[in-house]
Amino acid sequence: MRLQPQHIAAIKRLAAEQFGAGVQVRLFGSRVDDTARSGDVDLLVEVAEPIDQPGLAGARFSVRASRALGGRKVDVVLAAPNLRMAPIHEVARREGVLL
């Protein structure tokens, strides 16, 4: 996994601040591959409660995480009871690493 421990801690802290203590965050995509180079940070944020304004919530978290990672691009996929699941959710759960 190509994230530094302080970046993992920052992502987890920001997710808990925004979505609550029960939030789970998975890293997926190229950052899971230790042999890959560069690439953005793909995160699956799983929440047990419905999310109001999911587009805004995802964008807000993405910006905050990007700042914590020194400006690196962060893509966020949200999973919550009120959101429709897509194939990307399956891929992220299957191949992702829980932070």
PDB file of N, CA and C in Angstrom:
ATOM      1  N   MET A   1       0.857  -1.172   0.000  1.00  0.00           N
ATOM      2  CA  MET A   1       0.000   0.000   0.000  1.00  0.00           C
ATOM      3  C   MET A   1       0.902   1.233   0.000  1.00  0.00           C
ATOM      4  N   ARG A   2       0.625   2.145  -0.912  1.00  0.00           N
ATOM      5  CA  ARG A   2       1.487   3.307  -1.059  1.00  0.00           C
ATOM      6  C   ARG A   2       0.859   4.556  -0.427  1.00  0.00           C
ATOM      7  N   LEU A   3       0.714   4.509   0.874  1.00  0.00           N
ATOM      8  CA  LEU A   3       0.317   5.673   1.674  1.00  0.00           C
ATOM      9  C   LEU A   3       1.162   5.667   2.937  1.00  0.00           C
ATOM     10  N   GLN A   4       1.610   6.829   3.319  1.00  0.00           N
ATOM     11  CA  GLN A   4       2.415   6.931   4.532  1.00  0.00           C
ATOM     12  C   GLN A   4       1.510   6.859   5.760  1.00  0.00           C
ATOM     13  N   PRO A   5       2.035   6.347   6.866  1.00  0.00           N
ATOM     14  CA  PRO A   5       1.222   6.196   8.078  1.00  0.00           C
ATOM     15  C   PRO A   5       0.528   7.490   8.516  1.00  0.00           C
ATOM     16  N   GLN A   6       1.201   8.623   8.385  1.00  0.00           N
ATOM     17  CA  GLN A   6       0.568   9.883   8.802  1.00  0.00           C
ATOM     18  C   GLN A   6      -0.590  10.254   7.869  1.00  0.00           C
ATOM     19  N   HIS A   7      -0.509   9.848   6.598  1.00  0.00           N
ATOM     20  CA  HIS A   7      -1.603  10.114   5.667  1.00  0.00           C
ATOM     21  C   HIS A   7      -2.799   9.211   5.965  1.00  0.00           C
ATOM     22  N   ILE A   8      -2.533   7.967   6.311  1.00  0.00           N
ATOM     23  CA  ILE A   8      -3.609   7.052   6.703  1.00  0.00           C
ATOM     24  C   ILE A   8      -4.322   7.587   7.933  1.00  0.00           C
ATOM     25  N   ALA A   9      -3.553   8.018   8.913  1.00  0.00           N
ATOM     26  CA  ALA A   9      -4.141   8.564  10.143  1.00  0.00           C
ATOM     27  C   ALA A   9      -4.979   9.803   9.842  1.00  0.00           C
ATOM     28  N   ALA A  10      -4.507  10.665   8.966  1.00  0.00           N
ATOM     29  CA  ALA A  10      -5.238  11.881   8.613  1.00  0.00           C
ATOM     30  C   ALA A  10      -6.553  11.541   7.911  1.00  0.00           C
ATOM     31  N   ILE A  11      -6.512  10.597   6.982  1.00  0.00           N
ATOM     32  CA  ILE A  11      -7.726  10.193   6.264  1.00  0.00           C
ATOM     33  C   ILE A  11      -8.749   9.628   7.239  1.00  0.00           C
ATOM     34  N   LYS A  12      -8.323   8.758   8.138  1.00  0.00           N
ATOM     35  CA  LYS A  12      -9.237   8.160   9.110  1.00  0.00           C
ATOM     36  C   LYS A  12      -9.830   9.222  10.038  1.00  0.00           C
ATOM     37  N   ARG A  13      -9.002  10.158  10.461  1.00  0.00           N
ATOM     38  CA  ARG A  13      -9.477  11.230  11.346  1.00  0.00           C
ATOM     39  C   ARG A  13     -10.511  12.105  10.636  1.00  0.00           C
ATOM     40  N   LEU A  14     -10.208  12.495   9.411  1.00  0.00           N
ATOM     41  CA  LEU A  14     -11.127  13.340   8.644  1.00  0.00           C
ATOM     42  C   LEU A  14     -12.446  12.621   8.374  1.00  0.00           C
ATOM     43  N   ALA A  15     -12.372  11.334   8.055  1.00  0.00           N
ATOM     44  CA  ALA A  15     -13.586  10.555   7.798  1.00  0.00           C
ATOM     45  C   ALA A  15     -14.454  10.479   9.055  1.00  0.00           C
ATOM     46  N   ALA A  16     -13.838  10.246  10.200  1.00  0.00           N
ATOM     47  CA  ALA A  16     -14.593  10.176  11.454  1.00  0.00           C
ATOM     48  C   ALA A  16     -15.206  11.525  11.801  1.00  0.00           C
ATOM     49  N   GLU A  17     -14.462  12.597  11.572  1.00  0.00           N
ATOM     50  CA  GLU A  17     -14.989  13.945  11.841  1.00  0.00           C
ATOM     51  C   GLU A  17     -16.219  14.238  10.980  1.00  0.00           C
ATOM     52  N   GLN A  18     -16.165  13.856   9.722  1.00  0.00           N
ATOM     53  CA  GLN A  18     -17.249  14.202   8.804  1.00  0.00           C
ATOM     54  C   GLN A  18     -18.410  13.210   8.836  1.00  0.00           C
ATOM     55  N   PHE A  19     -18.107  11.913   8.948  1.00  0.00           N
ATOM     56  CA  PHE A  19     -19.154  10.905   8.801  1.00  0.00           C
ATOM     57  C   PHE A  19     -19.485  10.151  10.087  1.00  0.00           C
ATOM     58  N   GLY A  20     -18.725  10.362  11.149  1.00  0.00           N
ATOM     59  CA  GLY A  20     -19.003   9.694  12.418  1.00  0.00           C
ATOM     60  C   GLY A  20     -18.015   8.585  12.713  1.00  0.00           C
ATOM     61  N   ALA A  21     -18.013   8.162  13.962  1.00  0.00           N
ATOM     62  CA  ALA A  21     -17.014   7.205  14.449  1.00  0.00           C
ATOM     63  C   ALA A  21     -17.100   5.835  13.776  1.00  0.00           C
ATOM     64  N   GLY A  22     -18.257   5.433  13.279  1.00  0.00           N
ATOM     65  CA  GLY A  22     -18.407   4.113  12.689  1.00  0.00           C
ATOM     66  C   GLY A  22     -18.002   4.007  11.232  1.00  0.00           C
ATOM     67  N   VAL A  23     -17.485   5.055  10.666  1.00  0.00           N
ATOM     68  CA  VAL A  23     -17.120   5.065   9.245  1.00  0.00           C
ATOM     69  C   VAL A  23     -15.963   4.101   8.974  1.00  0.00           C
ATOM     70  N   GLN A  24     -16.008   3.464   7.807  1.00  0.00           N
ATOM     71  CA  GLN A  24     -14.895   2.622   7.363  1.00  0.00           C
ATOM     72  C   GLN A  24     -14.386   3.187   6.045  1.00  0.00           C
ATOM     73  N   VAL A  25     -13.071   3.229   5.904  1.00  0.00           N
ATOM     74  CA  VAL A  25     -12.458   3.748   4.689  1.00  0.00           C
ATOM     75  C   VAL A  25     -11.556   2.671   4.108  1.00  0.00           C
ATOM     76  N   ARG A  26     -11.729   2.418   2.820  1.00  0.00           N
ATOM     77  CA  ARG A  26     -10.889   1.458   2.101  1.00  0.00           C
ATOM     78  C   ARG A  26     -10.125   2.179   1.000  1.00  0.00           C
ATOM     79  N   LEU A  27      -8.864   1.875   0.907  1.00  0.00           N
ATOM     80  CA  LEU A  27      -8.030   2.335  -0.195  1.00  0.00           C
ATOM     81  C   LEU A  27      -8.109   1.282  -1.291  1.00  0.00           C
ATOM     82  N   PHE A  28      -8.354   1.714  -2.526  1.00  0.00           N
ATOM     83  CA  PHE A  28      -8.380   0.773  -3.636  1.00  0.00           C
ATOM     84  C   PHE A  28      -7.732   1.431  -4.849  1.00  0.00           C
ATOM     85  N   GLY A  29      -7.596   0.676  -5.911  1.00  0.00           N
ATOM     86  CA  GLY A  29      -6.990   1.216  -7.120  1.00  0.00           C
ATOM     87  C   GLY A  29      -5.473   1.074  -7.097  1.00  0.00           C
ATOM     88  N   SER A  30      -4.808   1.933  -7.849  1.00  0.00           N
ATOM     89  CA  SER A  30      -3.360   1.801  -8.054  1.00  0.00           C
ATOM     90  C   SER A  30      -2.544   1.976  -6.778  1.00  0.00           C
ATOM     91  N   ARG A  31      -3.046   2.685  -5.802  1.00  0.00           N
ATOM     92  CA  ARG A  31      -2.282   2.907  -4.571  1.00  0.00           C
ATOM     93  C   ARG A  31      -2.145   1.649  -3.722  1.00  0.00           C
ATOM     94  N   VAL A  32      -2.924   0.631  -3.993  1.00  0.00           N
ATOM     95  CA  VAL A  32      -2.810  -0.632  -3.266  1.00  0.00           C
ATOM     96  C   VAL A  32      -1.628  -1.445  -3.806  1.00  0.00           C
ATOM     97  N   ASP A  33      -1.259  -1.190  -5.045  1.00  0.00           N
ATOM     98  CA  ASP A  33      -0.178  -1.915  -5.718  1.00  0.00           C
ATOM     99  C   ASP A  33       1.163  -1.259  -5.399  1.00  0.00           C
ATOM    100  N   ASP A  34       1.994  -1.959  -4.636  1.00  0.00           N
ATOM    101  CA  ASP A  34       3.291  -1.409  -4.235  1.00  0.00           C
ATOM    102  C   ASP A  34       4.262  -1.256  -5.398  1.00  0.00           C
ATOM    103  N   THR A  35       4.012  -1.935  -6.512  1.00  0.00           N
ATOM    104  CA  THR A  35       4.918  -1.836  -7.651  1.00  0.00           C
ATOM    105  C   THR A  35       4.531  -0.721  -8.617  1.00  0.00           C
ATOM    106  N   ALA A  36       3.335  -0.177  -8.476  1.00  0.00           N
ATOM    107  CA  ALA A  36       2.878   0.898  -9.359  1.00  0.00           C
ATOM    108  C   ALA A  36       3.550   2.210  -8.973  1.00  0.00           C
ATOM    109  N   ARG A  37       3.448   3.177  -9.855  1.00  0.00           N
ATOM    110  CA  ARG A  37       4.007   4.491  -9.586  1.00  0.00           C
ATOM    111  C   ARG A  37       2.908   5.538  -9.722  1.00  0.00           C
ATOM    112  N   SER A  38       3.034   6.565  -8.915  1.00  0.00           N
ATOM    113  CA  SER A  38       2.142   7.716  -8.992  1.00  0.00           C
ATOM    114  C   SER A  38       0.684   7.300  -8.829  1.00  0.00           C
ATOM    115  N   GLY A  39      -0.215   8.032  -9.425  1.00  0.00           N
ATOM    116  CA  GLY A  39      -1.638   7.719  -9.349  1.00  0.00           C
ATOM    117  C   GLY A  39      -2.355   8.482  -8.260  1.00  0.00           C
ATOM    118  N   ASP A  40      -3.649   8.646  -8.464  1.00  0.00           N
ATOM    119  CA  ASP A  40      -4.454   9.332  -7.465  1.00  0.00           C
ATOM    120  C   ASP A  40      -4.779   8.377  -6.322  1.00  0.00           C
ATOM    121  N   VAL A  41      -5.468   8.882  -5.328  1.00  0.00           N
ATOM    122  CA  VAL A  41      -5.854   8.090  -4.164  1.00  0.00           C
ATOM    123  C   VAL A  41      -7.349   7.817  -4.279  1.00  0.00           C
ATOM    124  N   ASP A  42      -7.708   6.545  -4.395  1.00  0.00           N
ATOM    125  CA  ASP A  42      -9.106   6.136  -4.516  1.00  0.00           C
ATOM    126  C   ASP A  42      -9.577   5.589  -3.172  1.00  0.00           C
ATOM    127  N   LEU A  43     -10.646   6.192  -2.644  1.00  0.00           N
ATOM    128  CA  LEU A  43     -11.154   5.802  -1.332  1.00  0.00           C
ATOM    129  C   LEU A  43     -12.622   5.418  -1.407  1.00  0.00           C
ATOM    130  N   LEU A  44     -12.969   4.309  -0.776  1.00  0.00           N
ATOM    131  CA  LEU A  44     -14.359   3.940  -0.563  1.00  0.00           C
ATOM    132  C   LEU A  44     -14.676   4.289   0.880  1.00  0.00           C
ATOM    133  N   VAL A  45     -15.656   5.161   1.079  1.00  0.00           N
ATOM    134  CA  VAL A  45     -16.073   5.585   2.414  1.00  0.00           C
ATOM    135  C   VAL A  45     -17.433   4.944   2.681  1.00  0.00           C
ATOM    136  N   GLU A  46     -17.475   4.032   3.666  1.00  0.00           N
ATOM    137  CA  GLU A  46     -18.693   3.301   3.983  1.00  0.00           C
ATOM    138  C   GLU A  46     -19.280   3.803   5.300  1.00  0.00           C
ATOM    139  N   VAL A  47     -20.555   4.178   5.231  1.00  0.00           N
ATOM    140  CA  VAL A  47     -21.249   4.770   6.368  1.00  0.00           C
ATOM    141  C   VAL A  47     -22.517   3.972   6.625  1.00  0.00           C
ATOM    142  N   ALA A  48     -22.837   3.718   7.889  1.00  0.00           N
ATOM    143  CA  ALA A  48     -24.010   2.921   8.248  1.00  0.00           C
ATOM    144  C   ALA A  48     -25.311   3.720   8.192  1.00  0.00           C
ATOM    145  N   GLU A  49     -25.223   5.031   8.252  1.00  0.00           N
ATOM    146  CA  GLU A  49     -26.404   5.899   8.261  1.00  0.00           C
ATOM    147  C   GLU A  49     -26.571   6.572   6.901  1.00  0.00           C
ATOM    148  N   PRO A  50     -27.787   6.938   6.522  1.00  0.00           N
ATOM    149  CA  PRO A  50     -27.988   7.672   5.275  1.00  0.00           C
ATOM    150  C   PRO A  50     -27.182   8.977   5.264  1.00  0.00           C
ATOM    151  N   ILE A  51     -26.753   9.365   4.088  1.00  0.00           N
ATOM    152  CA  ILE A  51     -25.967  10.591   3.919  1.00  0.00           C
ATOM    153  C   ILE A  51     -26.828  11.638   3.222  1.00  0.00           C
ATOM    154  N   ASP A  52     -27.028  12.772   3.875  1.00  0.00           N
ATOM    155  CA  ASP A  52     -27.703  13.894   3.238  1.00  0.00           C
ATOM    156  C   ASP A  52     -26.737  14.547   2.260  1.00  0.00           C
ATOM    157  N   GLN A  53     -27.227  14.913   1.114  1.00  0.00           N
ATOM    158  CA  GLN A  53     -26.432  15.573   0.080  1.00  0.00           C
ATOM    159  C   GLN A  53     -25.111  14.837  -0.176  1.00  0.00           C
ATOM    160  N   PRO A  54     -25.208  13.593  -0.667  1.00  0.00           N
ATOM    161  CA  PRO A  54     -23.999  12.785  -0.850  1.00  0.00           C
ATOM    162  C   PRO A  54     -22.982  13.405  -1.806  1.00  0.00           C
ATOM    163  N   GLY A  55     -23.429  14.092  -2.845  1.00  0.00           N
ATOM    164  CA  GLY A  55     -22.486  14.727  -3.768  1.00  0.00           C
ATOM    165  C   GLY A  55     -21.630  15.755  -3.061  1.00  0.00           C
ATOM    166  N   LEU A  56     -22.269  16.591  -2.268  1.00  0.00           N
ATOM    167  CA  LEU A  56     -21.560  17.614  -1.504  1.00  0.00           C
ATOM    168  C   LEU A  56     -20.658  16.979  -0.449  1.00  0.00           C
ATOM    169  N   ALA A  57     -21.169  15.953   0.228  1.00  0.00           N
ATOM    170  CA  ALA A  57     -20.383  15.290   1.273  1.00  0.00           C
ATOM    171  C   ALA A  57     -19.133  14.639   0.683  1.00  0.00           C
ATOM    172  N   GLY A  58     -19.283  13.972  -0.447  1.00  0.00           N
ATOM    173  CA  GLY A  58     -18.135  13.336  -1.088  1.00  0.00           C
ATOM    174  C   GLY A  58     -17.114  14.349  -1.562  1.00  0.00           C
ATOM    175  N   ALA A  59     -17.587  15.439  -2.156  1.00  0.00           N
ATOM    176  CA  ALA A  59     -16.677  16.486  -2.640  1.00  0.00           C
ATOM    177  C   ALA A  59     -15.945  17.144  -1.478  1.00  0.00           C
ATOM    178  N   ARG A  60     -16.658  17.410  -0.409  1.00  0.00           N
ATOM    179  CA  ARG A  60     -16.048  18.040   0.765  1.00  0.00           C
ATOM    180  C   ARG A  60     -14.957  17.143   1.354  1.00  0.00           C
ATOM    181  N   PHE A  61     -15.258  15.850   1.474  1.00  0.00           N
ATOM    182  CA  PHE A  61     -14.263  14.923   2.014  1.00  0.00           C
ATOM    183  C   PHE A  61     -13.061  14.816   1.083  1.00  0.00           C
ATOM    184  N   SER A  62     -13.312  14.759  -0.205  1.00  0.00           N
ATOM    185  CA  SER A  62     -12.229  14.678  -1.186  1.00  0.00           C
ATOM    186  C   SER A  62     -11.276  15.866  -1.063  1.00  0.00           C
ATOM    187  N   VAL A  63     -11.817  17.057  -0.941  1.00  0.00           N
ATOM    188  CA  VAL A  63     -10.984  18.260  -0.813  1.00  0.00           C
ATOM    189  C   VAL A  63     -10.191  18.228   0.486  1.00  0.00           C
ATOM    190  N   ARG A  64     -10.839  17.864   1.572  1.00  0.00           N
ATOM    191  CA  ARG A  64     -10.140  17.829   2.861  1.00  0.00           C
ATOM    192  C   ARG A  64      -9.027  16.783   2.851  1.00  0.00           C
ATOM    193  N   ALA A  65      -9.311  15.608   2.287  1.00  0.00           N
ATOM    194  CA  ALA A  65      -8.295  14.559   2.211  1.00  0.00           C
ATOM    195  C   ALA A  65      -7.150  14.984   1.292  1.00  0.00           C
ATOM    196  N   SER A  66      -7.470  15.618   0.189  1.00  0.00           N
ATOM    197  CA  SER A  66      -6.441  16.093  -0.733  1.00  0.00           C
ATOM    198  C   SER A  66      -5.499  17.069  -0.044  1.00  0.00           C
ATOM    199  N   ARG A  67      -6.048  17.977   0.712  1.00  0.00           N
ATOM    200  CA  ARG A  67      -5.202  18.926   1.467  1.00  0.00           C
ATOM    201  C   ARG A  67      -4.295  18.196   2.451  1.00  0.00           C
ATOM    202  N   ALA A  68      -4.845  17.190   3.133  1.00  0.00           N
ATOM    203  CA  ALA A  68      -4.054  16.422   4.107  1.00  0.00           C
ATOM    204  C   ALA A  68      -2.939  15.628   3.434  1.00  0.00           C
ATOM    205  N   LEU A  69      -3.119  15.313   2.145  1.00  0.00           N
ATOM    206  CA  LEU A  69      -2.126  14.540   1.401  1.00  0.00           C
ATOM    207  C   LEU A  69      -1.245  15.441   0.535  1.00  0.00           C
ATOM    208  N   GLY A  70      -1.184  16.698   0.876  1.00  0.00           N
ATOM    209  CA  GLY A  70      -0.298  17.608   0.164  1.00  0.00           C
ATOM    210  C   GLY A  70      -0.752  17.965  -1.239  1.00  0.00           C
ATOM    211  N   GLY A  71      -2.045  17.895  -1.492  1.00  0.00           N
ATOM    212  CA  GLY A  71      -2.578  18.281  -2.789  1.00  0.00           C
ATOM    213  C   GLY A  71      -2.769  17.139  -3.764  1.00  0.00           C
ATOM    214  N   ARG A  72      -2.462  15.925  -3.351  1.00  0.00           N
ATOM    215  CA  ARG A  72      -2.657  14.772  -4.236  1.00  0.00           C
ATOM    216  C   ARG A  72      -4.148  14.608  -4.525  1.00  0.00           C
ATOM    217  N   LYS A  73      -4.491  14.232  -5.753  1.00  0.00           N
ATOM    218  CA  LYS A  73      -5.886  14.037  -6.154  1.00  0.00           C
ATOM    219  C   LYS A  73      -6.490  12.855  -5.395  1.00  0.00           C
ATOM    220  N   VAL A  74      -7.675  13.058  -4.842  1.00  0.00           N
ATOM    221  CA  VAL A  74      -8.367  12.024  -4.076  1.00  0.00           C
ATOM    222  C   VAL A  74      -9.762  11.830  -4.672  1.00  0.00           C
ATOM    223  N   ASP A  75     -10.043  10.612  -5.110  1.00  0.00           N
ATOM    224  CA  ASP A  75     -11.373  10.250  -5.596  1.00  0.00           C
ATOM    225  C   ASP A  75     -12.100   9.502  -4.499  1.00  0.00           C
ATOM    226  N   VAL A  76     -13.353   9.892  -4.254  1.00  0.00           N
ATOM    227  CA  VAL A  76     -14.135   9.305  -3.166  1.00  0.00           C
ATOM    228  C   VAL A  76     -15.389   8.641  -3.723  1.00  0.00           C
ATOM    229  N   VAL A  77     -15.610   7.407  -3.302  1.00  0.00           N
ATOM    230  CA  VAL A  77     -16.837   6.680  -3.595  1.00  0.00           C
ATOM    231  C   VAL A  77     -17.531   6.474  -2.252  1.00  0.00           C
ATOM    232  N   LEU A  78     -18.788   6.913  -2.157  1.00  0.00           N
ATOM    233  CA  LEU A  78     -19.539   6.773  -0.913  1.00  0.00           C
ATOM    234  C   LEU A  78     -20.453   5.561  -0.970  1.00  0.00           C
ATOM    235  N   ALA A  79     -20.585   4.886   0.159  1.00  0.00           N
ATOM    236  CA  ALA A  79     -21.534   3.786   0.319  1.00  0.00           C
ATOM    237  C   ALA A  79     -22.337   4.047   1.588  1.00  0.00           C
ATOM    238  N   ALA A  80     -23.658   4.099   1.431  1.00  0.00           N
ATOM    239  CA  ALA A  80     -24.567   4.341   2.550  1.00  0.00           C
ATOM    240  C   ALA A  80     -25.912   3.706   2.207  1.00  0.00           C
ATOM    241  N   PRO A  81     -26.755   3.464   3.212  1.00  0.00           N
ATOM    242  CA  PRO A  81     -28.040   2.801   2.962  1.00  0.00           C
ATOM    243  C   PRO A  81     -28.934   3.516   1.949  1.00  0.00           C
ATOM    244  N   ASN A  82     -28.824   4.822   1.835  1.00  0.00           N
ATOM    245  CA  ASN A  82     -29.688   5.563   0.919  1.00  0.00           C
ATOM    246  C   ASN A  82     -29.072   5.772  -0.461  1.00  0.00           C
ATOM    247  N   LEU A  83     -27.916   5.160  -0.721  1.00  0.00           N
ATOM    248  CA  LEU A  83     -27.248   5.337  -2.007  1.00  0.00           C
ATOM    249  C   LEU A  83     -27.274   4.044  -2.805  1.00  0.00           C
ATOM    250  N   ARG A  84     -27.467   4.185  -4.114  1.00  0.00           N
ATOM    251  CA  ARG A  84     -27.484   3.031  -5.010  1.00  0.00           C
ATOM    252  C   ARG A  84     -26.070   2.490  -5.175  1.00  0.00           C
ATOM    253  N   MET A  85     -25.936   1.185  -5.101  1.00  0.00           N
ATOM    254  CA  MET A  85     -24.633   0.550  -5.277  1.00  0.00           C
ATOM    255  C   MET A  85     -24.356   0.381  -6.767  1.00  0.00           C
ATOM    256  N   ALA A  86     -23.095   0.521  -7.122  1.00  0.00           N
ATOM    257  CA  ALA A  86     -22.645   0.387  -8.502  1.00  0.00           C
ATOM    258  C   ALA A  86     -21.509  -0.639  -8.541  1.00  0.00           C
ATOM    259  N   PRO A  87     -21.119  -1.089  -9.719  1.00  0.00           N
ATOM    260  CA  PRO A  87     -20.018  -2.059  -9.805  1.00  0.00           C
ATOM    261  C   PRO A  87     -18.730  -1.597  -9.116  1.00  0.00           C
ATOM    262  N   ILE A  88     -18.469  -0.301  -9.102  1.00  0.00           N
ATOM    263  CA  ILE A  88     -17.250   0.204  -8.449  1.00  0.00           C
ATOM    264  C   ILE A  88     -17.243  -0.125  -6.959  1.00  0.00           C
ATOM    265  N   HIS A  89     -18.408  -0.179  -6.334  1.00  0.00           N
ATOM    266  CA  HIS A  89     -18.483  -0.527  -4.915  1.00  0.00           C
ATOM    267  C   HIS A  89     -17.986  -1.958  -4.686  1.00  0.00           C
ATOM    268  N   GLU A  90     -18.402  -2.871  -5.556  1.00  0.00           N
ATOM    269  CA  GLU A  90     -17.962  -4.267  -5.449  1.00  0.00           C
ATOM    270  C   GLU A  90     -16.454  -4.386  -5.606  1.00  0.00           C
ATOM    271  N   VAL A  91     -15.928  -3.708  -6.620  1.00  0.00           N
ATOM    272  CA  VAL A  91     -14.484  -3.746  -6.873  1.00  0.00           C
ATOM    273  C   VAL A  91     -13.721  -3.191  -5.662  1.00  0.00           C
ATOM    274  N   ALA A  92     -14.175  -2.063  -5.148  1.00  0.00           N
ATOM    275  CA  ALA A  92     -13.488  -1.423  -4.014  1.00  0.00           C
ATOM    276  C   ALA A  92     -13.530  -2.308  -2.772  1.00  0.00           C
ATOM    277  N   ARG A  93     -14.650  -2.955  -2.533  1.00  0.00           N
ATOM    278  CA  ARG A  93     -14.743  -3.846  -1.365  1.00  0.00           C
ATOM    279  C   ARG A  93     -13.877  -5.089  -1.529  1.00  0.00           C
ATOM    280  N   ARG A  94     -13.856  -5.633  -2.729  1.00  0.00           N
ATOM    281  CA  ARG A  94     -13.119  -6.868  -2.997  1.00  0.00           C
ATOM    282  C   ARG A  94     -11.603  -6.628  -3.020  1.00  0.00           C
ATOM    283  N   GLU A  95     -11.178  -5.552  -3.657  1.00  0.00           N
ATOM    284  CA  GLU A  95      -9.746  -5.315  -3.854  1.00  0.00           C
ATOM    285  C   GLU A  95      -9.153  -4.290  -2.893  1.00  0.00           C
ATOM    286  N   GLY A  96     -10.016  -3.584  -2.179  1.00  0.00           N
ATOM    287  CA  GLY A  96      -9.539  -2.516  -1.308  1.00  0.00           C
ATOM    288  C   GLY A  96      -8.922  -3.006  -0.015  1.00  0.00           C
ATOM    289  N   VAL A  97      -8.169  -2.109   0.600  1.00  0.00           N
ATOM    290  CA  VAL A  97      -7.527  -2.387   1.879  1.00  0.00           C
ATOM    291  C   VAL A  97      -8.144  -1.449   2.915  1.00  0.00           C
ATOM    292  N   LEU A  98      -8.657  -2.028   3.989  1.00  0.00           N
ATOM    293  CA  LEU A  98      -9.259  -1.252   5.052  1.00  0.00           C
ATOM    294  C   LEU A  98      -8.182  -0.441   5.765  1.00  0.00           C
ATOM    295  N   LEU A  99      -8.411   0.868   5.875  1.00  0.00           N
ATOM    296  CA  LEU A  99      -7.441   1.725   6.569  1.00  0.00           C
ATOM    297  C   LEU A  99      -7.708   1.720   8.062  1.00  0.00           C
TER     298      LEU A  99
END
